[in-house]
ModelCIF file with pLDDT and N, C-alpha, C, O atoms, coordinates in Angstrom:
data_MODEL
#
_entry.id   MODEL 
#
_entity.id                         1 
_entity.type                       polymer 
_entity.pdbx_number_of_molecules   1 
#
_entity_poly.entity_id                      1 
_entity_poly.type                           'polypeptide(L)' 
_entity_poly.nstd_linkage                   no 
_entity_poly.nstd_monomer                   no 
_entity_poly.pdbx_seq_one_letter_code       AISRDLAKNILYLQMNNLFPEDTAVYYCAAEGT 
_entity_poly.pdbx_seq_one_letter_code_can   AISRDLAKNILYLQMNNLFPEDTAVYYCAAEGT 
_entity_poly.pdbx_strand_id                 A 
#
loop_
_entity_poly_seq.entity_id 
_entity_poly_seq.num 
_entity_poly_seq.mon_id 
_entity_poly_seq.hetero 
1 1  ALA n 
1 2  ILE n 
1 3  SER n 
1 4  ARG n 
1 5  ASP n 
1 6  LEU n 
1 7  ALA n 
1 8  LYS n 
1 9  ASN n 
1 10 ILE n 
1 11 LEU n 
1 12 TYR n 
1 13 LEU n 
1 14 GLN n 
1 15 MET n 
1 16 ASN n 
1 17 ASN n 
1 18 LEU n 
1 19 PHE n 
1 20 PRO n 
1 21 GLU n 
1 22 ASP n 
1 23 THR n 
1 24 ALA n 
1 25 VAL n 
1 26 TYR n 
1 27 TYR n 
1 28 CYS n 
1 29 ALA n 
1 30 ALA n 
1 31 GLU n 
1 32 GLY n 
1 33 THR n 
#
_struct_asym.id          A 
_struct_asym.entity_id   1 
#
loop_
_ma_qa_metric.id 
_ma_qa_metric.mode 
_ma_qa_metric.name 
_ma_qa_metric.software_group_id 
_ma_qa_metric.type 
1 global pLDDT . pLDDT 
2 local  pLDDT . pLDDT 
#
_ma_qa_metric_global.metric_id      1 
_ma_qa_metric_global.metric_value   97.39 
_ma_qa_metric_global.model_id       1 
_ma_qa_metric_global.ordinal_id     1 
#
loop_
_ma_qa_metric_local.label_asym_id 
_ma_qa_metric_local.label_comp_id 
_ma_qa_metric_local.label_seq_id 
_ma_qa_metric_local.metric_id 
_ma_qa_metric_local.metric_value 
_ma_qa_metric_local.model_id 
_ma_qa_metric_local.ordinal_id 
A ALA 1  2 98.00 1 1  
A ILE 2  2 98.00 1 2  
A SER 3  2 98.00 1 3  
A ARG 4  2 97.00 1 4  
A ASP 5  2 97.00 1 5  
A LEU 6  2 96.00 1 6  
A ALA 7  2 97.00 1 7  
A LYS 8  2 98.00 1 8  
A ASN 9  2 98.00 1 9  
A ILE 10 2 98.00 1 10 
A LEU 11 2 98.00 1 11 
A TYR 12 2 98.00 1 12 
A LEU 13 2 98.00 1 13 
A GLN 14 2 98.00 1 14 
A MET 15 2 98.00 1 15 
A ASN 16 2 98.00 1 16 
A ASN 17 2 98.00 1 17 
A LEU 18 2 98.00 1 18 
A PHE 19 2 98.00 1 19 
A PRO 20 2 98.00 1 20 
A GLU 21 2 97.00 1 21 
A ASP 22 2 98.00 1 22 
A THR 23 2 98.00 1 23 
A ALA 24 2 98.00 1 24 
A VAL 25 2 98.00 1 25 
A TYR 26 2 98.00 1 26 
A TYR 27 2 98.00 1 27 
A CYS 28 2 98.00 1 28 
A ALA 29 2 97.00 1 29 
A ALA 30 2 97.00 1 30 
A GLU 31 2 95.00 1 31 
A GLY 32 2 94.00 1 32 
A THR 33 2 93.00 1 33 
#
loop_
_atom_site.group_PDB 
_atom_site.id 
_atom_site.type_symbol 
_atom_site.label_atom_id 
_atom_site.label_alt_id 
_atom_site.label_comp_id 
_atom_site.label_asym_id 
_atom_site.label_entity_id 
_atom_site.label_seq_id 
_atom_site.pdbx_PDB_ins_code 
_atom_site.Cartn_x 
_atom_site.Cartn_y 
_atom_site.Cartn_z 
_atom_site.occupancy 
_atom_site.B_iso_or_equiv 
_atom_site.pdbx_formal_charge 
_atom_site.auth_seq_id 
_atom_site.auth_comp_id 
_atom_site.auth_asym_id 
_atom_site.auth_atom_id 
_atom_site.pdbx_PDB_model_num 
ATOM 1   N N  . ALA A 1 1  ? -155.413 -127.525 67.650 1.00 98.00 ? 1  ALA A N  1 
ATOM 2   C CA . ALA A 1 1  ? -154.791 -126.216 67.474 1.00 98.00 ? 1  ALA A CA 1 
ATOM 3   C C  . ALA A 1 1  ? -153.755 -126.276 66.363 1.00 98.00 ? 1  ALA A C  1 
ATOM 4   O O  . ALA A 1 1  ? -152.827 -127.085 66.408 1.00 98.00 ? 1  ALA A O  1 
ATOM 5   N N  . ILE A 1 2  ? -153.919 -125.417 65.369 1.00 98.00 ? 2  ILE A N  1 
ATOM 6   C CA . ILE A 1 2  ? -152.963 -125.336 64.277 1.00 98.00 ? 2  ILE A CA 1 
ATOM 7   C C  . ILE A 1 2  ? -151.942 -124.242 64.591 1.00 98.00 ? 2  ILE A C  1 
ATOM 8   O O  . ILE A 1 2  ? -152.302 -123.184 65.108 1.00 98.00 ? 2  ILE A O  1 
ATOM 9   N N  . SER A 1 3  ? -150.687 -124.494 64.283 1.00 98.00 ? 3  SER A N  1 
ATOM 10  C CA . SER A 1 3  ? -149.633 -123.521 64.511 1.00 98.00 ? 3  SER A CA 1 
ATOM 11  C C  . SER A 1 3  ? -148.507 -123.752 63.513 1.00 98.00 ? 3  SER A C  1 
ATOM 12  O O  . SER A 1 3  ? -148.530 -124.722 62.756 1.00 98.00 ? 3  SER A O  1 
ATOM 13  N N  . ARG A 1 4  ? -147.534 -122.869 63.514 1.00 97.00 ? 4  ARG A N  1 
ATOM 14  C CA . ARG A 1 4  ? -146.430 -122.986 62.563 1.00 97.00 ? 4  ARG A CA 1 
ATOM 15  C C  . ARG A 1 4  ? -145.147 -122.446 63.171 1.00 97.00 ? 4  ARG A C  1 
ATOM 16  O O  . ARG A 1 4  ? -145.176 -121.609 64.073 1.00 97.00 ? 4  ARG A O  1 
ATOM 17  N N  . ASP A 1 5  ? -144.031 -122.931 62.669 1.00 97.00 ? 5  ASP A N  1 
ATOM 18  C CA . ASP A 1 5  ? -142.715 -122.420 63.017 1.00 97.00 ? 5  ASP A CA 1 
ATOM 19  C C  . ASP A 1 5  ? -142.118 -121.890 61.723 1.00 97.00 ? 5  ASP A C  1 
ATOM 20  O O  . ASP A 1 5  ? -141.635 -122.663 60.896 1.00 97.00 ? 5  ASP A O  1 
ATOM 21  N N  . LEU A 1 6  ? -142.148 -120.578 61.547 1.00 96.00 ? 6  LEU A N  1 
ATOM 22  C CA . LEU A 1 6  ? -141.697 -119.976 60.304 1.00 96.00 ? 6  LEU A CA 1 
ATOM 23  C C  . LEU A 1 6  ? -140.194 -120.164 60.088 1.00 96.00 ? 6  LEU A C  1 
ATOM 24  O O  . LEU A 1 6  ? -139.744 -120.280 58.948 1.00 96.00 ? 6  LEU A O  1 
ATOM 25  N N  . ALA A 1 7  ? -139.421 -120.194 61.167 1.00 97.00 ? 7  ALA A N  1 
ATOM 26  C CA . ALA A 1 7  ? -137.982 -120.364 61.045 1.00 97.00 ? 7  ALA A CA 1 
ATOM 27  C C  . ALA A 1 7  ? -137.626 -121.758 60.552 1.00 97.00 ? 7  ALA A C  1 
ATOM 28  O O  . ALA A 1 7  ? -136.673 -121.930 59.791 1.00 97.00 ? 7  ALA A O  1 
ATOM 29  N N  . LYS A 1 8  ? -138.393 -122.754 60.987 1.00 98.00 ? 8  LYS A N  1 
ATOM 30  C CA . LYS A 1 8  ? -138.124 -124.141 60.619 1.00 98.00 ? 8  LYS A CA 1 
ATOM 31  C C  . LYS A 1 8  ? -138.961 -124.621 59.442 1.00 98.00 ? 8  LYS A C  1 
ATOM 32  O O  . LYS A 1 8  ? -138.760 -125.731 58.949 1.00 98.00 ? 8  LYS A O  1 
ATOM 33  N N  . ASN A 1 9  ? -139.899 -123.792 58.987 1.00 98.00 ? 9  ASN A N  1 
ATOM 34  C CA . ASN A 1 9  ? -140.807 -124.156 57.893 1.00 98.00 ? 9  ASN A CA 1 
ATOM 35  C C  . ASN A 1 9  ? -141.587 -125.432 58.209 1.00 98.00 ? 9  ASN A C  1 
ATOM 36  O O  . ASN A 1 9  ? -141.643 -126.364 57.406 1.00 98.00 ? 9  ASN A O  1 
ATOM 37  N N  . ILE A 1 10 ? -142.177 -125.447 59.382 1.00 98.00 ? 10 ILE A N  1 
ATOM 38  C CA . ILE A 1 10 ? -142.959 -126.589 59.826 1.00 98.00 ? 10 ILE A CA 1 
ATOM 39  C C  . ILE A 1 10 ? -144.343 -126.129 60.267 1.00 98.00 ? 10 ILE A C  1 
ATOM 40  O O  . ILE A 1 10 ? -144.475 -125.150 61.001 1.00 98.00 ? 10 ILE A O  1 
ATOM 41  N N  . LEU A 1 11 ? -145.350 -126.826 59.827 1.00 98.00 ? 11 LEU A N  1 
ATOM 42  C CA . LEU A 1 11 ? -146.729 -126.630 60.253 1.00 98.00 ? 11 LEU A CA 1 
ATOM 43  C C  . LEU A 1 11 ? -147.079 -127.725 61.251 1.00 98.00 ? 11 LEU A C  1 
ATOM 44  O O  . LEU A 1 11 ? -146.683 -128.878 61.075 1.00 98.00 ? 11 LEU A O  1 
ATOM 45  N N  . TYR A 1 12 ? -147.816 -127.371 62.294 1.00 98.00 ? 12 TYR A N  1 
ATOM 46  C CA . TYR A 1 12 ? -148.183 -128.331 63.331 1.00 98.00 ? 12 TYR A CA 1 
ATOM 47  C C  . TYR A 1 12 ? -149.699 -128.413 63.498 1.00 98.00 ? 12 TYR A C  1 
ATOM 48  O O  . TYR A 1 12 ? -150.429 -127.472 63.188 1.00 98.00 ? 12 TYR A O  1 
ATOM 49  N N  . LEU A 1 13 ? -150.145 -129.551 63.992 1.00 98.00 ? 13 LEU A N  1 
ATOM 50  C CA . LEU A 1 13 ? -151.521 -129.699 64.442 1.00 98.00 ? 13 LEU A CA 1 
ATOM 51  C C  . LEU A 1 13 ? -151.495 -130.430 65.774 1.00 98.00 ? 13 LEU A C  1 
ATOM 52  O O  . LEU A 1 13 ? -151.215 -131.628 65.826 1.00 98.00 ? 13 LEU A O  1 
ATOM 53  N N  . GLN A 1 14 ? -151.787 -129.711 66.850 1.00 98.00 ? 14 GLN A N  1 
ATOM 54  C CA . GLN A 1 14 ? -151.914 -130.321 68.165 1.00 98.00 ? 14 GLN A CA 1 
ATOM 55  C C  . GLN A 1 14 ? -153.330 -130.853 68.292 1.00 98.00 ? 14 GLN A C  1 
ATOM 56  O O  . GLN A 1 14 ? -154.295 -130.107 68.121 1.00 98.00 ? 14 GLN A O  1 
ATOM 57  N N  . MET A 1 15 ? -153.460 -132.128 68.589 1.00 98.00 ? 15 MET A N  1 
ATOM 58  C CA . MET A 1 15 ? -154.742 -132.799 68.658 1.00 98.00 ? 15 MET A CA 1 
ATOM 59  C C  . MET A 1 15 ? -154.935 -133.338 70.071 1.00 98.00 ? 15 MET A C  1 
ATOM 60  O O  . MET A 1 15 ? -154.215 -134.240 70.498 1.00 98.00 ? 15 MET A O  1 
ATOM 61  N N  . ASN A 1 16 ? -155.907 -132.785 70.796 1.00 98.00 ? 16 ASN A N  1 
ATOM 62  C CA . ASN A 1 16 ? -156.189 -133.203 72.160 1.00 98.00 ? 16 ASN A CA 1 
ATOM 63  C C  . ASN A 1 16 ? -157.573 -133.822 72.261 1.00 98.00 ? 16 ASN A C  1 
ATOM 64  O O  . ASN A 1 16 ? -158.435 -133.588 71.414 1.00 98.00 ? 16 ASN A O  1 
ATOM 65  N N  . ASN A 1 17 ? -157.776 -134.613 73.304 1.00 98.00 ? 17 ASN A N  1 
ATOM 66  C CA . ASN A 1 17 ? -159.068 -135.256 73.555 1.00 98.00 ? 17 ASN A CA 1 
ATOM 67  C C  . ASN A 1 17 ? -159.590 -135.933 72.301 1.00 98.00 ? 17 ASN A C  1 
ATOM 68  O O  . ASN A 1 17 ? -160.707 -135.668 71.857 1.00 98.00 ? 17 ASN A O  1 
ATOM 69  N N  . LEU A 1 18 ? -158.785 -136.795 71.744 1.00 98.00 ? 18 LEU A N  1 
ATOM 70  C CA . LEU A 1 18 ? -159.141 -137.454 70.496 1.00 98.00 ? 18 LEU A CA 1 
ATOM 71  C C  . LEU A 1 18 ? -160.299 -138.422 70.658 1.00 98.00 ? 18 LEU A C  1 
ATOM 72  O O  . LEU A 1 18 ? -160.414 -139.113 71.670 1.00 98.00 ? 18 LEU A O  1 
ATOM 73  N N  . PHE A 1 19 ? -161.151 -138.459 69.649 1.00 98.00 ? 19 PHE A N  1 
ATOM 74  C CA . PHE A 1 19 ? -162.280 -139.373 69.591 1.00 98.00 ? 19 PHE A CA 1 
ATOM 75  C C  . PHE A 1 19 ? -162.023 -140.440 68.538 1.00 98.00 ? 19 PHE A C  1 
ATOM 76  O O  . PHE A 1 19 ? -161.241 -140.205 67.617 1.00 98.00 ? 19 PHE A O  1 
ATOM 77  N N  . PRO A 1 20 ? -162.654 -141.602 68.643 1.00 98.00 ? 20 PRO A N  1 
ATOM 78  C CA . PRO A 1 20 ? -162.555 -142.584 67.559 1.00 98.00 ? 20 PRO A CA 1 
ATOM 79  C C  . PRO A 1 20 ? -162.972 -141.992 66.209 1.00 98.00 ? 20 PRO A C  1 
ATOM 80  O O  . PRO A 1 20 ? -162.461 -142.405 65.168 1.00 98.00 ? 20 PRO A O  1 
ATOM 81  N N  . GLU A 1 21 ? -163.888 -141.037 66.225 1.00 97.00 ? 21 GLU A N  1 
ATOM 82  C CA . GLU A 1 21 ? -164.351 -140.391 65.001 1.00 97.00 ? 21 GLU A CA 1 
ATOM 83  C C  . GLU A 1 21 ? -163.278 -139.522 64.348 1.00 97.00 ? 21 GLU A C  1 
ATOM 84  O O  . GLU A 1 21 ? -163.456 -139.069 63.218 1.00 97.00 ? 21 GLU A O  1 
ATOM 85  N N  . ASP A 1 22 ? -162.170 -139.285 65.045 1.00 98.00 ? 22 ASP A N  1 
ATOM 86  C CA . ASP A 1 22 ? -161.052 -138.545 64.478 1.00 98.00 ? 22 ASP A CA 1 
ATOM 87  C C  . ASP A 1 22 ? -160.124 -139.440 63.666 1.00 98.00 ? 22 ASP A C  1 
ATOM 88  O O  . ASP A 1 22 ? -159.187 -138.948 63.037 1.00 98.00 ? 22 ASP A O  1 
ATOM 89  N N  . THR A 1 23 ? -160.370 -140.734 63.672 1.00 98.00 ? 23 THR A N  1 
ATOM 90  C CA . THR A 1 23 ? -159.546 -141.664 62.909 1.00 98.00 ? 23 THR A CA 1 
ATOM 91  C C  . THR A 1 23 ? -159.600 -141.309 61.429 1.00 98.00 ? 23 THR A C  1 
ATOM 92  O O  . THR A 1 23 ? -160.675 -141.272 60.831 1.00 98.00 ? 23 THR A O  1 
ATOM 93  N N  . ALA A 1 24 ? -158.435 -141.050 60.843 1.00 98.00 ? 24 ALA A N  1 
ATOM 94  C CA . ALA A 1 24 ? -158.382 -140.605 59.461 1.00 98.00 ? 24 ALA A CA 1 
ATOM 95  C C  . ALA A 1 24 ? -156.936 -140.500 59.014 1.00 98.00 ? 24 ALA A C  1 
ATOM 96  O O  . ALA A 1 24 ? -156.010 -140.564 59.822 1.00 98.00 ? 24 ALA A O  1 
ATOM 97  N N  . VAL A 1 25 ? -156.761 -140.337 57.715 1.00 98.00 ? 25 VAL A N  1 
ATOM 98  C CA . VAL A 1 25 ? -155.483 -139.899 57.182 1.00 98.00 ? 25 VAL A CA 1 
ATOM 99  C C  . VAL A 1 25 ? -155.491 -138.380 57.202 1.00 98.00 ? 25 VAL A C  1 
ATOM 100 O O  . VAL A 1 25 ? -156.409 -137.752 56.674 1.00 98.00 ? 25 VAL A O  1 
ATOM 101 N N  . TYR A 1 26 ? -154.481 -137.797 57.803 1.00 98.00 ? 26 TYR A N  1 
ATOM 102 C CA . TYR A 1 26 ? -154.384 -136.353 57.919 1.00 98.00 ? 26 TYR A CA 1 
ATOM 103 C C  . TYR A 1 26 ? -153.348 -135.823 56.936 1.00 98.00 ? 26 TYR A C  1 
ATOM 104 O O  . TYR A 1 26 ? -152.217 -136.306 56.890 1.00 98.00 ? 26 TYR A O  1 
ATOM 105 N N  . TYR A 1 27 ? -153.744 -134.828 56.152 1.00 98.00 ? 27 TYR A N  1 
ATOM 106 C CA . TYR A 1 27 ? -152.891 -134.209 55.156 1.00 98.00 ? 27 TYR A CA 1 
ATOM 107 C C  . TYR A 1 27 ? -152.623 -132.754 55.515 1.00 98.00 ? 27 TYR A C  1 
ATOM 108 O O  . TYR A 1 27 ? -153.500 -132.070 56.044 1.00 98.00 ? 27 TYR A O  1 
ATOM 109 N N  . CYS A 1 28 ? -151.421 -132.283 55.229 1.00 98.00 ? 28 CYS A N  1 
ATOM 110 C CA . CYS A 1 28 ? -151.187 -130.849 55.265 1.00 98.00 ? 28 CYS A CA 1 
ATOM 111 C C  . CYS A 1 28 ? -151.272 -130.317 53.849 1.00 98.00 ? 28 CYS A C  1 
ATOM 112 O O  . CYS A 1 28 ? -151.017 -131.041 52.886 1.00 98.00 ? 28 CYS A O  1 
ATOM 113 N N  . ALA A 1 29 ? -151.632 -129.050 53.727 1.00 97.00 ? 29 ALA A N  1 
ATOM 114 C CA . ALA A 1 29 ? -151.802 -128.434 52.423 1.00 97.00 ? 29 ALA A CA 1 
ATOM 115 C C  . ALA A 1 29 ? -151.447 -126.957 52.511 1.00 97.00 ? 29 ALA A C  1 
ATOM 116 O O  . ALA A 1 29 ? -151.411 -126.372 53.594 1.00 97.00 ? 29 ALA A O  1 
ATOM 117 N N  . ALA A 1 30 ? -151.185 -126.368 51.354 1.00 97.00 ? 30 ALA A N  1 
ATOM 118 C CA . ALA A 1 30 ? -150.805 -124.962 51.309 1.00 97.00 ? 30 ALA A CA 1 
ATOM 119 C C  . ALA A 1 30 ? -151.335 -124.306 50.050 1.00 97.00 ? 30 ALA A C  1 
ATOM 120 O O  . ALA A 1 30 ? -151.531 -124.958 49.025 1.00 97.00 ? 30 ALA A O  1 
ATOM 121 N N  . GLU A 1 31 ? -151.564 -123.000 50.144 1.00 95.00 ? 31 GLU A N  1 
ATOM 122 C CA . GLU A 1 31 ? -152.075 -122.209 49.023 1.00 95.00 ? 31 GLU A CA 1 
ATOM 123 C C  . GLU A 1 31 ? -151.186 -121.000 48.808 1.00 95.00 ? 31 GLU A C  1 
ATOM 124 O O  . GLU A 1 31 ? -150.996 -120.191 49.716 1.00 95.00 ? 31 GLU A O  1 
ATOM 125 N N  . GLY A 1 32 ? -150.642 -120.877 47.606 1.00 94.00 ? 32 GLY A N  1 
ATOM 126 C CA . GLY A 1 32 ? -149.784 -119.753 47.289 1.00 94.00 ? 32 GLY A CA 1 
ATOM 127 C C  . GLY A 1 32 ? -150.321 -118.838 46.210 1.00 94.00 ? 32 GLY A C  1 
ATOM 128 O O  . GLY A 1 32 ? -149.665 -117.861 45.847 1.00 94.00 ? 32 GLY A O  1 
ATOM 129 N N  . THR A 1 33 ? -151.503 -119.134 45.687 1.00 93.00 ? 33 THR A N  1 
ATOM 130 C CA . THR A 1 33 ? -152.069 -118.360 44.587 1.00 93.00 ? 33 THR A CA 1 
ATOM 131 C C  . THR A 1 33 ? -153.319 -117.593 44.980 1.00 93.00 ? 33 THR A C  1 
ATOM 132 O O  . THR A 1 33 ? -153.903 -116.897 44.150 1.00 93.00 ? 33 THR A O  1 
#
């Protein structure tokens, strides 16, 4: 589940029931254009 706190300027990713296949480097990204 992706969510955000606009007051704190923080983006979150809640990750549940993780699988070994979820092993990765996770990046956040943004688009302003």
